[in-house]
Amino acid sequence: MNAISEWWTCPSCGARFTGARPDHALCRDCLDQLESLGYEPAPGAPYGDLPPCPDCGGQMVEVMPMAQPLDLDGDEGGRER
């Protein structure tokens, strides 16, 4: 049985990978970088329509702030009363 590998390229850093491309199209390193800054890729963002980054030359990625988790204990962001 022959396994079929699909090649894909991260639009942000240009690195090539094998396997199924994630829906957001970013590699783990680029996604981790965005998330560490509090952002996530915008759903359905057209990567090819955005200009290259003036600093590094990589493809710019449309992002949006990450959703803040709901505070289920009722305290207002950890503030003391």
PDB file of N, CA and C in Angstrom:
ATOM      1  N   MET A   1       0.833  -1.166   0.000  1.00  0.00           N
ATOM      2  CA  MET A   1       0.000   0.000   0.000  1.00  0.00           C
ATOM      3  C   MET A   1       0.895   1.252   0.000  1.00  0.00           C
ATOM      4  N   ASN A   2       0.655   2.158  -0.903  1.00  0.00           N
ATOM      5  CA  ASN A   2       1.424   3.396  -0.981  1.00  0.00           C
ATOM      6  C   ASN A   2       0.678   4.521  -0.277  1.00  0.00           C
ATOM      7  N   ALA A   3       1.375   5.205   0.595  1.00  0.00           N
ATOM      8  CA  ALA A   3       0.782   6.357   1.277  1.00  0.00           C
ATOM      9  C   ALA A   3       0.985   7.592   0.407  1.00  0.00           C
ATOM     10  N   ILE A   4      -0.032   8.382   0.297  1.00  0.00           N
ATOM     11  CA  ILE A   4       0.054   9.602  -0.485  1.00  0.00           C
ATOM     12  C   ILE A   4       0.303  10.760   0.476  1.00  0.00           C
ATOM     13  N   SER A   5       1.393  11.466   0.248  1.00  0.00           N
ATOM     14  CA  SER A   5       1.718  12.617   1.081  1.00  0.00           C
ATOM     15  C   SER A   5       1.377  13.889   0.320  1.00  0.00           C
ATOM     16  N   GLU A   6       0.760  14.809   1.023  1.00  0.00           N
ATOM     17  CA  GLU A   6       0.424  16.100   0.441  1.00  0.00           C
ATOM     18  C   GLU A   6       1.449  17.118   0.950  1.00  0.00           C
ATOM     19  N   TRP A   7       2.013  17.903   0.052  1.00  0.00           N
ATOM     20  CA  TRP A   7       2.941  18.960   0.436  1.00  0.00           C
ATOM     21  C   TRP A   7       2.173  20.257   0.580  1.00  0.00           C
ATOM     22  N   TRP A   8       2.516  21.035   1.583  1.00  0.00           N
ATOM     23  CA  TRP A   8       1.932  22.363   1.742  1.00  0.00           C
ATOM     24  C   TRP A   8       2.988  23.302   2.299  1.00  0.00           C
ATOM     25  N   THR A   9       2.783  24.592   2.088  1.00  0.00           N
ATOM     26  CA  THR A   9       3.734  25.612   2.511  1.00  0.00           C
ATOM     27  C   THR A   9       3.046  26.579   3.466  1.00  0.00           C
ATOM     28  N   CYS A  10       3.709  26.899   4.551  1.00  0.00           N
ATOM     29  CA  CYS A  10       3.191  27.887   5.499  1.00  0.00           C
ATOM     30  C   CYS A  10       3.285  29.258   4.830  1.00  0.00           C
ATOM     31  N   PRO A  11       2.171  29.985   4.727  1.00  0.00           N
ATOM     32  CA  PRO A  11       2.226  31.286   4.064  1.00  0.00           C
ATOM     33  C   PRO A  11       3.004  32.340   4.847  1.00  0.00           C
ATOM     34  N   SER A  12       3.209  32.133   6.128  1.00  0.00           N
ATOM     35  CA  SER A  12       3.895  33.122   6.944  1.00  0.00           C
ATOM     36  C   SER A  12       5.414  32.990   6.861  1.00  0.00           C
ATOM     37  N   CYS A  13       5.944  31.778   7.040  1.00  0.00           N
ATOM     38  CA  CYS A  13       7.402  31.604   7.060  1.00  0.00           C
ATOM     39  C   CYS A  13       7.956  30.958   5.795  1.00  0.00           C
ATOM     40  N   GLY A  14       7.093  30.347   4.985  1.00  0.00           N
ATOM     41  CA  GLY A  14       7.539  29.732   3.735  1.00  0.00           C
ATOM     42  C   GLY A  14       8.070  28.317   3.869  1.00  0.00           C
ATOM     43  N   ALA A  15       8.054  27.758   5.080  1.00  0.00           N
ATOM     44  CA  ALA A  15       8.542  26.391   5.281  1.00  0.00           C
ATOM     45  C   ALA A  15       7.580  25.394   4.634  1.00  0.00           C
ATOM     46  N   ARG A  16       8.141  24.292   4.108  1.00  0.00           N
ATOM     47  CA  ARG A  16       7.316  23.254   3.467  1.00  0.00           C
ATOM     48  C   ARG A  16       7.125  22.087   4.421  1.00  0.00           C
ATOM     49  N   PHE A  17       5.947  21.485   4.349  1.00  0.00           N
ATOM     50  CA  PHE A  17       5.588  20.370   5.224  1.00  0.00           C
ATOM     51  C   PHE A  17       4.868  19.304   4.424  1.00  0.00           C
ATOM     52  N   THR A  18       4.847  18.092   4.971  1.00  0.00           N
ATOM     53  CA  THR A  18       4.055  17.018   4.380  1.00  0.00           C
ATOM     54  C   THR A  18       2.897  16.720   5.306  1.00  0.00           C
ATOM     55  N   GLY A  19       1.843  16.159   4.740  1.00  0.00           N
ATOM     56  CA  GLY A  19       0.673  15.810   5.530  1.00  0.00           C
ATOM     57  C   GLY A  19      -0.472  16.743   5.207  1.00  0.00           C
ATOM     58  N   ALA A  20      -1.534  16.614   5.962  1.00  0.00           N
ATOM     59  CA  ALA A  20      -2.725  17.439   5.734  1.00  0.00           C
ATOM     60  C   ALA A  20      -2.474  18.864   6.213  1.00  0.00           C
ATOM     61  N   ARG A  21      -2.785  19.845   5.365  1.00  0.00           N
ATOM     62  CA  ARG A  21      -2.629  21.255   5.732  1.00  0.00           C
ATOM     63  C   ARG A  21      -3.720  21.638   6.724  1.00  0.00           C
ATOM     64  N   PRO A  22      -3.379  22.310   7.829  1.00  0.00           N
ATOM     65  CA  PRO A  22      -4.402  22.747   8.775  1.00  0.00           C
ATOM     66  C   PRO A  22      -5.326  23.788   8.132  1.00  0.00           C
ATOM     67  N   ASP A  23      -6.525  23.919   8.659  1.00  0.00           N
ATOM     68  CA  ASP A  23      -7.492  24.877   8.108  1.00  0.00           C
ATOM     69  C   ASP A  23      -6.947  26.304   8.097  1.00  0.00           C
ATOM     70  N   HIS A  24      -6.188  26.674   9.127  1.00  0.00           N
ATOM     71  CA  HIS A  24      -5.640  28.028   9.201  1.00  0.00           C
ATOM     72  C   HIS A  24      -4.409  28.189   8.323  1.00  0.00           C
ATOM     73  N   ALA A  25      -3.863  27.109   7.786  1.00  0.00           N
ATOM     74  CA  ALA A  25      -2.739  27.074   6.845  1.00  0.00           C
ATOM     75  C   ALA A  25      -1.390  27.450   7.441  1.00  0.00           C
ATOM     76  N   LEU A  26      -1.302  27.693   8.745  1.00  0.00           N
ATOM     77  CA  LEU A  26      -0.038  28.069   9.365  1.00  0.00           C
ATOM     78  C   LEU A  26       0.646  26.869   9.994  1.00  0.00           C
ATOM     79  N   CYS A  27       1.995  26.889   9.996  1.00  0.00           N
ATOM     80  CA  CYS A  27       2.737  25.826  10.676  1.00  0.00           C
ATOM     81  C   CYS A  27       2.627  26.040  12.183  1.00  0.00           C
ATOM     82  N   ARG A  28       2.992  25.039  12.935  1.00  0.00           N
ATOM     83  CA  ARG A  28       2.879  25.086  14.395  1.00  0.00           C
ATOM     84  C   ARG A  28       3.691  26.242  14.988  1.00  0.00           C
ATOM     85  N   ASP A  29       4.919  26.477  14.476  1.00  0.00           N
ATOM     86  CA  ASP A  29       5.753  27.551  15.011  1.00  0.00           C
ATOM     87  C   ASP A  29       5.110  28.918  14.808  1.00  0.00           C
ATOM     88  N   CYS A  30       4.589  29.172  13.600  1.00  0.00           N
ATOM     89  CA  CYS A  30       3.967  30.476  13.318  1.00  0.00           C
ATOM     90  C   CYS A  30       2.680  30.647  14.130  1.00  0.00           C
ATOM     91  N   LEU A  31       1.905  29.570  14.256  1.00  0.00           N
ATOM     92  CA  LEU A  31       0.683  29.643  15.054  1.00  0.00           C
ATOM     93  C   LEU A  31       1.020  29.897  16.521  1.00  0.00           C
ATOM     94  N   ASP A  32       2.038  29.222  17.042  1.00  0.00           N
ATOM     95  CA  ASP A  32       2.463  29.436  18.433  1.00  0.00           C
ATOM     96  C   ASP A  32       2.912  30.875  18.659  1.00  0.00           C
ATOM     97  N   GLN A  33       3.618  31.451  17.676  1.00  0.00           N
ATOM     98  CA  GLN A  33       4.056  32.844  17.788  1.00  0.00           C
ATOM     99  C   GLN A  33       2.862  33.779  17.889  1.00  0.00           C
ATOM    100  N   LEU A  34       1.878  33.590  17.022  1.00  0.00           N
ATOM    101  CA  LEU A  34       0.677  34.426  17.060  1.00  0.00           C
ATOM    102  C   LEU A  34      -0.042  34.303  18.390  1.00  0.00           C
ATOM    103  N   GLU A  35      -0.230  33.055  18.845  1.00  0.00           N
ATOM    104  CA  GLU A  35      -0.956  32.820  20.087  1.00  0.00           C
ATOM    105  C   GLU A  35      -0.217  33.394  21.291  1.00  0.00           C
ATOM    106  N   SER A  36       1.115  33.378  21.255  1.00  0.00           N
ATOM    107  CA  SER A  36       1.876  33.941  22.380  1.00  0.00           C
ATOM    108  C   SER A  36       1.677  35.451  22.479  1.00  0.00           C
ATOM    109  N   LEU A  37       1.296  36.081  21.369  1.00  0.00           N
ATOM    110  CA  LEU A  37       1.022  37.518  21.352  1.00  0.00           C
ATOM    111  C   LEU A  37      -0.458  37.830  21.565  1.00  0.00           C
ATOM    112  N   GLY A  38      -1.281  36.768  21.726  1.00  0.00           N
ATOM    113  CA  GLY A  38      -2.703  36.956  21.987  1.00  0.00           C
ATOM    114  C   GLY A  38      -3.558  37.050  20.731  1.00  0.00           C
ATOM    115  N   TYR A  39      -3.052  36.533  19.603  1.00  0.00           N
ATOM    116  CA  TYR A  39      -3.799  36.574  18.348  1.00  0.00           C
ATOM    117  C   TYR A  39      -4.004  35.190  17.787  1.00  0.00           C
ATOM    118  N   GLU A  40      -4.946  35.080  16.858  1.00  0.00           N
ATOM    119  CA  GLU A  40      -5.174  33.850  16.108  1.00  0.00           C
ATOM    120  C   GLU A  40      -5.470  34.232  14.667  1.00  0.00           C
ATOM    121  N   PRO A  41      -5.271  33.316  13.712  1.00  0.00           N
ATOM    122  CA  PRO A  41      -5.549  33.654  12.316  1.00  0.00           C
ATOM    123  C   PRO A  41      -7.030  33.965  12.124  1.00  0.00           C
ATOM    124  N   ALA A  42      -7.322  34.965  11.307  1.00  0.00           N
ATOM    125  CA  ALA A  42      -8.714  35.286  10.987  1.00  0.00           C
ATOM    126  C   ALA A  42      -9.278  34.166  10.125  1.00  0.00           C
ATOM    127  N   PRO A  43     -10.492  33.690  10.430  1.00  0.00           N
ATOM    128  CA  PRO A  43     -11.055  32.592   9.648  1.00  0.00           C
ATOM    129  C   PRO A  43     -11.258  33.001   8.195  1.00  0.00           C
ATOM    130  N   GLY A  44     -10.813  32.143   7.290  1.00  0.00           N
ATOM    131  CA  GLY A  44     -10.992  32.367   5.864  1.00  0.00           C
ATOM    132  C   GLY A  44     -10.166  33.505   5.298  1.00  0.00           C
ATOM    133  N   ALA A  45      -9.091  33.898   5.983  1.00  0.00           N
ATOM    134  CA  ALA A  45      -8.268  35.009   5.501  1.00  0.00           C
ATOM    135  C   ALA A  45      -7.572  34.625   4.197  1.00  0.00           C
ATOM    136  N   PRO A  46      -7.639  35.494   3.182  1.00  0.00           N
ATOM    137  CA  PRO A  46      -6.977  35.203   1.907  1.00  0.00           C
ATOM    138  C   PRO A  46      -5.500  35.587   1.965  1.00  0.00           C
ATOM    139  N   TYR A  47      -4.622  34.648   2.265  1.00  0.00           N
ATOM    140  CA  TYR A  47      -3.208  34.945   2.447  1.00  0.00           C
ATOM    141  C   TYR A  47      -2.565  35.538   1.196  1.00  0.00           C
ATOM    142  N   GLY A  48      -2.908  35.055   0.038  1.00  0.00           N
ATOM    143  CA  GLY A  48      -2.266  35.510  -1.189  1.00  0.00           C
ATOM    144  C   GLY A  48      -2.535  36.965  -1.527  1.00  0.00           C
ATOM    145  N   ASP A  49      -3.582  37.561  -0.976  1.00  0.00           N
ATOM    146  CA  ASP A  49      -3.922  38.947  -1.281  1.00  0.00           C
ATOM    147  C   ASP A  49      -3.205  39.957  -0.389  1.00  0.00           C
ATOM    148  N   LEU A  50      -2.511  39.488   0.633  1.00  0.00           N
ATOM    149  CA  LEU A  50      -1.841  40.391   1.564  1.00  0.00           C
ATOM    150  C   LEU A  50      -0.391  40.618   1.121  1.00  0.00           C
ATOM    151  N   PRO A  51       0.167  41.807   1.392  1.00  0.00           N
ATOM    152  CA  PRO A  51       1.549  42.100   0.972  1.00  0.00           C
ATOM    153  C   PRO A  51       2.553  41.358   1.847  1.00  0.00           C
ATOM    154  N   PRO A  52       3.800  41.234   1.375  1.00  0.00           N
ATOM    155  CA  PRO A  52       4.830  40.613   2.211  1.00  0.00           C
ATOM    156  C   PRO A  52       5.207  41.534   3.366  1.00  0.00           C
ATOM    157  N   CYS A  53       5.693  40.951   4.434  1.00  0.00           N
ATOM    158  CA  CYS A  53       6.133  41.698   5.613  1.00  0.00           C
ATOM    159  C   CYS A  53       7.353  42.551   5.242  1.00  0.00           C
ATOM    160  N   PRO A  54       7.337  43.846   5.554  1.00  0.00           N
ATOM    161  CA  PRO A  54       8.488  44.682   5.218  1.00  0.00           C
ATOM    162  C   PRO A  54       9.734  44.348   6.044  1.00  0.00           C
ATOM    163  N   ASP A  55       9.552  43.707   7.212  1.00  0.00           N
ATOM    164  CA  ASP A  55      10.697  43.381   8.061  1.00  0.00           C
ATOM    165  C   ASP A  55      11.395  42.090   7.651  1.00  0.00           C
ATOM    166  N   CYS A  56      10.604  41.024   7.422  1.00  0.00           N
ATOM    167  CA  CYS A  56      11.219  39.722   7.159  1.00  0.00           C
ATOM    168  C   CYS A  56      10.979  39.199   5.746  1.00  0.00           C
ATOM    169  N   GLY A  57      10.048  39.793   5.005  1.00  0.00           N
ATOM    170  CA  GLY A  57       9.762  39.332   3.646  1.00  0.00           C
ATOM    171  C   GLY A  57       8.775  38.186   3.582  1.00  0.00           C
ATOM    172  N   GLY A  58       8.345  37.648   4.737  1.00  0.00           N
ATOM    173  CA  GLY A  58       7.369  36.558   4.767  1.00  0.00           C
ATOM    174  C   GLY A  58       5.970  37.070   4.452  1.00  0.00           C
ATOM    175  N   GLN A  59       5.076  36.168   4.133  1.00  0.00           N
ATOM    176  CA  GLN A  59       3.692  36.537   3.821  1.00  0.00           C
ATOM    177  C   GLN A  59       2.993  37.018   5.086  1.00  0.00           C
ATOM    178  N   MET A  60       2.372  38.187   5.023  1.00  0.00           N
ATOM    179  CA  MET A  60       1.621  38.691   6.173  1.00  0.00           C
ATOM    180  C   MET A  60       0.353  37.859   6.340  1.00  0.00           C
ATOM    181  N   VAL A  61      -0.117  37.764   7.564  1.00  0.00           N
ATOM    182  CA  VAL A  61      -1.277  36.954   7.899  1.00  0.00           C
ATOM    183  C   VAL A  61      -2.299  37.847   8.592  1.00  0.00           C
ATOM    184  N   GLU A  62      -3.554  37.779   8.150  1.00  0.00           N
ATOM    185  CA  GLU A  62      -4.607  38.544   8.811  1.00  0.00           C
ATOM    186  C   GLU A  62      -4.947  37.865  10.125  1.00  0.00           C
ATOM    187  N   VAL A  63      -4.931  38.630  11.213  1.00  0.00           N
ATOM    188  CA  VAL A  63      -5.172  38.059  12.540  1.00  0.00           C
ATOM    189  C   VAL A  63      -6.297  38.804  13.236  1.00  0.00           C
ATOM    190  N   MET A  64      -6.753  38.212  14.330  1.00  0.00           N
ATOM    191  CA  MET A  64      -7.751  38.830  15.194  1.00  0.00           C
ATOM    192  C   MET A  64      -7.408  38.471  16.628  1.00  0.00           C
ATOM    193  N   PRO A  65      -7.805  39.295  17.598  1.00  0.00           N
ATOM    194  CA  PRO A  65      -7.514  38.966  18.998  1.00  0.00           C
ATOM    195  C   PRO A  65      -8.156  37.629  19.381  1.00  0.00           C
ATOM    196  N   MET A  66      -7.457  36.883  20.213  1.00  0.00           N
ATOM    197  CA  MET A  66      -7.995  35.607  20.683  1.00  0.00           C
ATOM    198  C   MET A  66      -9.171  35.875  21.605  1.00  0.00           C
ATOM    199  N   ALA A  67     -10.150  35.002  21.562  1.00  0.00           N
ATOM    200  CA  ALA A  67     -11.307  35.116  22.454  1.00  0.00           C
ATOM    201  C   ALA A  67     -10.838  34.871  23.888  1.00  0.00           C
ATOM    202  N   GLN A  68     -11.255  35.725  24.786  1.00  0.00           N
ATOM    203  CA  GLN A  68     -10.909  35.561  26.196  1.00  0.00           C
ATOM    204  C   GLN A  68     -11.800  34.480  26.803  1.00  0.00           C
ATOM    205  N   PRO A  69     -11.235  33.584  27.609  1.00  0.00           N
ATOM    206  CA  PRO A  69     -12.066  32.561  28.242  1.00  0.00           C
ATOM    207  C   PRO A  69     -13.088  33.192  29.186  1.00  0.00           C
ATOM    208  N   LEU A  70     -14.238  32.588  29.275  1.00  0.00           N
ATOM    209  CA  LEU A  70     -15.276  33.081  30.177  1.00  0.00           C
ATOM    210  C   LEU A  70     -14.840  32.899  31.619  1.00  0.00           C
ATOM    211  N   ASP A  71     -15.147  33.881  32.439  1.00  0.00           N
ATOM    212  CA  ASP A  71     -14.826  33.824  33.857  1.00  0.00           C
ATOM    213  C   ASP A  71     -16.031  33.210  34.563  1.00  0.00           C
ATOM    214  N   LEU A  72     -15.907  31.950  34.933  1.00  0.00           N
ATOM    215  CA  LEU A  72     -17.041  31.232  35.503  1.00  0.00           C
ATOM    216  C   LEU A  72     -17.181  31.393  37.016  1.00  0.00           C
ATOM    217  N   ASP A  73     -16.155  31.979  37.716  1.00  0.00           N
ATOM    218  CA  ASP A  73     -16.283  32.114  39.169  1.00  0.00           C
ATOM    219  C   ASP A  73     -16.982  33.408  39.567  1.00  0.00           C
ATOM    220  N   GLY A  74     -17.215  34.297  38.622  1.00  0.00           N
ATOM    221  CA  GLY A  74     -17.920  35.509  38.960  1.00  0.00           C
ATOM    222  C   GLY A  74     -17.017  36.645  39.411  1.00  0.00           C
ATOM    223  N   ASP A  75     -15.706  36.360  39.614  1.00  0.00           N
ATOM    224  CA  ASP A  75     -14.862  37.479  39.991  1.00  0.00           C
ATOM    225  C   ASP A  75     -14.518  38.277  38.729  1.00  0.00           C
ATOM    226  N   GLU A  76     -14.310  39.535  38.873  1.00  0.00           N
ATOM    227  CA  GLU A  76     -14.102  40.411  37.735  1.00  0.00           C
ATOM    228  C   GLU A  76     -12.634  40.490  37.394  1.00  0.00           C
ATOM    229  N   GLY A  77     -12.126  39.471  36.698  1.00  0.00           N
ATOM    230  CA  GLY A  77     -10.747  39.475  36.274  1.00  0.00           C
ATOM    231  C   GLY A  77      -9.753  39.382  37.400  1.00  0.00           C
ATOM    232  N   GLY A  78     -10.114  38.803  38.525  1.00  0.00           N
ATOM    233  CA  GLY A  78      -9.200  38.620  39.628  1.00  0.00           C
ATOM    234  C   GLY A  78      -9.069  39.833  40.534  1.00  0.00           C
ATOM    235  N   ARG A  79      -9.900  40.827  40.352  1.00  0.00           N
ATOM    236  CA  ARG A  79      -9.832  42.016  41.220  1.00  0.00           C
ATOM    237  C   ARG A  79     -10.403  41.696  42.591  1.00  0.00           C
ATOM    238  N   GLU A  80      -9.763  42.256  43.604  1.00  0.00           N
ATOM    239  CA  GLU A  80     -10.276  42.074  44.968  1.00  0.00           C
ATOM    240  C   GLU A  80     -11.361  43.092  45.229  1.00  0.00           C
ATOM    241  N   ARG A  81     -12.321  42.723  46.032  1.00  0.00           N
ATOM    242  CA  ARG A  81     -13.407  43.634  46.374  1.00  0.00           C
ATOM    243  C   ARG A  81     -13.234  44.158  47.756  1.00  0.00           C
TER     244      ARG A  81
END
